[in-house]
Amino acid sequence: MPYALTLIRVKKETREIAFSCLQNLTMDSSLKGVKIIQVLLSLGWPDFIIMLKAPDVQLLQQAVLQIRKNLAEKGTEIDTTTLIALSIEEIEKQKEIWTEKP
């Protein structure tokens, strides 16, 4: 199962708006199939860190785009960086699938 770590930076004057929006993230029905593991407030750069997991990378990508859209609709200018990674177990599982001979 892939994981994503999204780092979000917002302008100082919109931090409260972004925080409110991110607090409601776990109730966002548009993020179907994606589990929000944690929303963290950072004490430096970035302002917020969101940890997500989903059955596939495409769902994670869609969720990050939806989060960006939600923040933009609230008038928040944002910068984001997202890291997507697989667990060691998932890599081993994928290696088995890739190396199977038909």
C-alpha atoms as a PDB file:
ATOM      1  CA  MET A   1       0.000   0.000   0.000  1.00  0.00           C
ATOM      2  CA  PRO A   2       1.543   3.338  -1.013  1.00  0.00           C
ATOM      3  CA  TYR A   3       1.909   6.204   1.408  1.00  0.00           C
ATOM      4  CA  ALA A   4       2.142   9.943   0.791  1.00  0.00           C
ATOM      5  CA  LEU A   5       3.628  12.689   2.879  1.00  0.00           C
ATOM      6  CA  THR A   6       2.417  16.103   1.719  1.00  0.00           C
ATOM      7  CA  LEU A   7       4.179  19.199   2.991  1.00  0.00           C
ATOM      8  CA  ILE A   8       2.126  22.399   2.784  1.00  0.00           C
ATOM      9  CA  ARG A   9       3.239  25.979   3.165  1.00  0.00           C
ATOM     10  CA  VAL A  10       0.744  28.848   3.198  1.00  0.00           C
ATOM     11  CA  LYS A  11       1.015  32.593   3.575  1.00  0.00           C
ATOM     12  CA  LYS A  12       1.088  33.714   7.185  1.00  0.00           C
ATOM     13  CA  GLU A  13      -2.178  35.649   6.876  1.00  0.00           C
ATOM     14  CA  THR A  14      -4.061  32.577   5.571  1.00  0.00           C
ATOM     15  CA  ARG A  15      -2.703  30.044   8.063  1.00  0.00           C
ATOM     16  CA  GLU A  16      -5.901  30.023  10.165  1.00  0.00           C
ATOM     17  CA  ILE A  17      -8.066  29.404   7.080  1.00  0.00           C
ATOM     18  CA  ALA A  18      -5.775  26.584   5.934  1.00  0.00           C
ATOM     19  CA  PHE A  19      -5.759  25.052   9.408  1.00  0.00           C
ATOM     20  CA  SER A  20      -9.558  25.037   9.526  1.00  0.00           C
ATOM     21  CA  CYS A  21      -9.749  23.452   6.078  1.00  0.00           C
ATOM     22  CA  LEU A  22      -7.222  20.764   6.983  1.00  0.00           C
ATOM     23  CA  GLN A  23      -9.019  19.973  10.249  1.00  0.00           C
ATOM     24  CA  ASN A  24     -12.073  19.011   8.178  1.00  0.00           C
ATOM     25  CA  LEU A  25      -9.990  16.868   5.851  1.00  0.00           C
ATOM     26  CA  THR A  26     -10.862  13.550   7.474  1.00  0.00           C
ATOM     27  CA  MET A  27     -14.545  14.182   6.764  1.00  0.00           C
ATOM     28  CA  ASP A  28     -13.971  15.031   3.080  1.00  0.00           C
ATOM     29  CA  SER A  29     -16.031  12.567   1.025  1.00  0.00           C
ATOM     30  CA  SER A  30     -14.109  13.458  -2.157  1.00  0.00           C
ATOM     31  CA  LEU A  31     -11.077  11.571  -0.821  1.00  0.00           C
ATOM     32  CA  LYS A  32     -12.706   8.138  -1.204  1.00  0.00           C
ATOM     33  CA  GLY A  33     -10.301   5.255  -0.881  1.00  0.00           C
ATOM     34  CA  VAL A  34      -7.657   7.410   0.809  1.00  0.00           C
ATOM     35  CA  LYS A  35      -7.021   7.222   4.533  1.00  0.00           C
ATOM     36  CA  ILE A  36      -5.776  10.344   6.252  1.00  0.00           C
ATOM     37  CA  ILE A  37      -3.320   8.963   8.781  1.00  0.00           C
ATOM     38  CA  GLN A  38      -2.414  12.281  10.381  1.00  0.00           C
ATOM     39  CA  VAL A  39      -2.582  16.043   9.881  1.00  0.00           C
ATOM     40  CA  LEU A  40       0.293  17.731  11.692  1.00  0.00           C
ATOM     41  CA  LEU A  41       1.034  21.370  12.444  1.00  0.00           C
ATOM     42  CA  SER A  42       4.719  22.016  11.818  1.00  0.00           C
ATOM     43  CA  LEU A  43       6.896  24.375  13.819  1.00  0.00           C
ATOM     44  CA  GLY A  44       8.785  25.671  10.806  1.00  0.00           C
ATOM     45  CA  TRP A  45       8.755  24.985   7.113  1.00  0.00           C
ATOM     46  CA  PRO A  46       6.342  23.579   6.065  1.00  0.00           C
ATOM     47  CA  ASP A  47       3.316  24.855   7.968  1.00  0.00           C
ATOM     48  CA  PHE A  48       1.423  21.551   7.762  1.00  0.00           C
ATOM     49  CA  ILE A  49       2.228  17.901   7.101  1.00  0.00           C
ATOM     50  CA  ILE A  50      -0.411  15.442   5.931  1.00  0.00           C
ATOM     51  CA  MET A  51       0.174  11.698   6.019  1.00  0.00           C
ATOM     52  CA  LEU A  52      -2.020   9.601   3.709  1.00  0.00           C
ATOM     53  CA  LYS A  53      -2.284   6.030   2.486  1.00  0.00           C
ATOM     54  CA  ALA A  54      -4.291   4.421  -0.291  1.00  0.00           C
ATOM     55  CA  PRO A  55      -4.512   1.201  -2.274  1.00  0.00           C
ATOM     56  CA  ASP A  56      -2.747   2.785  -5.251  1.00  0.00           C
ATOM     57  CA  VAL A  57      -0.657   5.778  -6.273  1.00  0.00           C
ATOM     58  CA  GLN A  58      -3.372   7.246  -8.517  1.00  0.00           C
ATOM     59  CA  LEU A  59      -5.736   7.628  -5.559  1.00  0.00           C
ATOM     60  CA  LEU A  60      -2.993   9.400  -3.606  1.00  0.00           C
ATOM     61  CA  GLN A  61      -2.322  11.760  -6.507  1.00  0.00           C
ATOM     62  CA  GLN A  62      -6.035  12.549  -6.827  1.00  0.00           C
ATOM     63  CA  ALA A  63      -6.299  13.176  -3.085  1.00  0.00           C
ATOM     64  CA  VAL A  64      -3.354  15.594  -3.081  1.00  0.00           C
ATOM     65  CA  LEU A  65      -4.853  17.481  -6.035  1.00  0.00           C
ATOM     66  CA  GLN A  66      -8.206  17.639  -4.210  1.00  0.00           C
ATOM     67  CA  ILE A  67      -6.542  18.961  -1.050  1.00  0.00           C
ATOM     68  CA  ARG A  68      -4.770  21.653  -3.081  1.00  0.00           C
ATOM     69  CA  LYS A  69      -8.070  22.543  -4.778  1.00  0.00           C
ATOM     70  CA  ASN A  70      -9.901  22.755  -1.437  1.00  0.00           C
ATOM     71  CA  LEU A  71      -7.277  25.119  -0.033  1.00  0.00           C
ATOM     72  CA  ALA A  72      -7.246  27.252  -3.188  1.00  0.00           C
ATOM     73  CA  GLU A  73     -11.042  27.588  -3.081  1.00  0.00           C
ATOM     74  CA  LYS A  74     -10.698  29.030   0.428  1.00  0.00           C
ATOM     75  CA  GLY A  75      -8.421  31.745  -0.962  1.00  0.00           C
ATOM     76  CA  THR A  76      -5.235  30.222   0.365  1.00  0.00           C
ATOM     77  CA  GLU A  77      -2.068  30.535  -1.696  1.00  0.00           C
ATOM     78  CA  ILE A  78      -0.065  27.371  -1.123  1.00  0.00           C
ATOM     79  CA  ASP A  79       3.157  25.626  -1.979  1.00  0.00           C
ATOM     80  CA  THR A  80       3.222  21.858  -1.650  1.00  0.00           C
ATOM     81  CA  THR A  81       5.670  19.029  -1.963  1.00  0.00           C
ATOM     82  CA  THR A  82       4.509  15.434  -1.913  1.00  0.00           C
ATOM     83  CA  LEU A  83       6.583  12.336  -1.369  1.00  0.00           C
ATOM     84  CA  ILE A  84       4.998   9.036  -2.376  1.00  0.00           C
ATOM     85  CA  ALA A  85       6.573   5.823  -1.166  1.00  0.00           C
ATOM     86  CA  LEU A  86       5.918   2.114  -0.883  1.00  0.00           C
ATOM     87  CA  SER A  87       6.536  -0.060   2.149  1.00  0.00           C
ATOM     88  CA  ILE A  88       9.235  -2.711   1.903  1.00  0.00           C
ATOM     89  CA  GLU A  89       6.535  -5.387   1.998  1.00  0.00           C
ATOM     90  CA  GLU A  90       4.752  -3.783  -0.950  1.00  0.00           C
ATOM     91  CA  ILE A  91       7.982  -3.584  -2.935  1.00  0.00           C
ATOM     92  CA  GLU A  92       8.623  -7.289  -2.315  1.00  0.00           C
ATOM     93  CA  LYS A  93       5.066  -8.131  -3.362  1.00  0.00           C
ATOM     94  CA  GLN A  94       5.415  -6.075  -6.551  1.00  0.00           C
ATOM     95  CA  LYS A  95       8.769  -7.693  -7.364  1.00  0.00           C
ATOM     96  CA  GLU A  96       7.092 -11.091  -7.228  1.00  0.00           C
ATOM     97  CA  ILE A  97       4.347  -9.926  -9.610  1.00  0.00           C
ATOM     98  CA  TRP A  98       6.838  -8.305 -12.002  1.00  0.00           C
ATOM     99  CA  THR A  99       9.063 -11.371 -12.148  1.00  0.00           C
ATOM    100  CA  GLU A 100       6.289 -13.947 -12.613  1.00  0.00           C
ATOM    101  CA  LYS A 101       6.464 -15.688 -15.951  1.00  0.00           C
ATOM    102  CA  PRO A 102       3.212 -16.291 -17.813  1.00  0.00           C
END
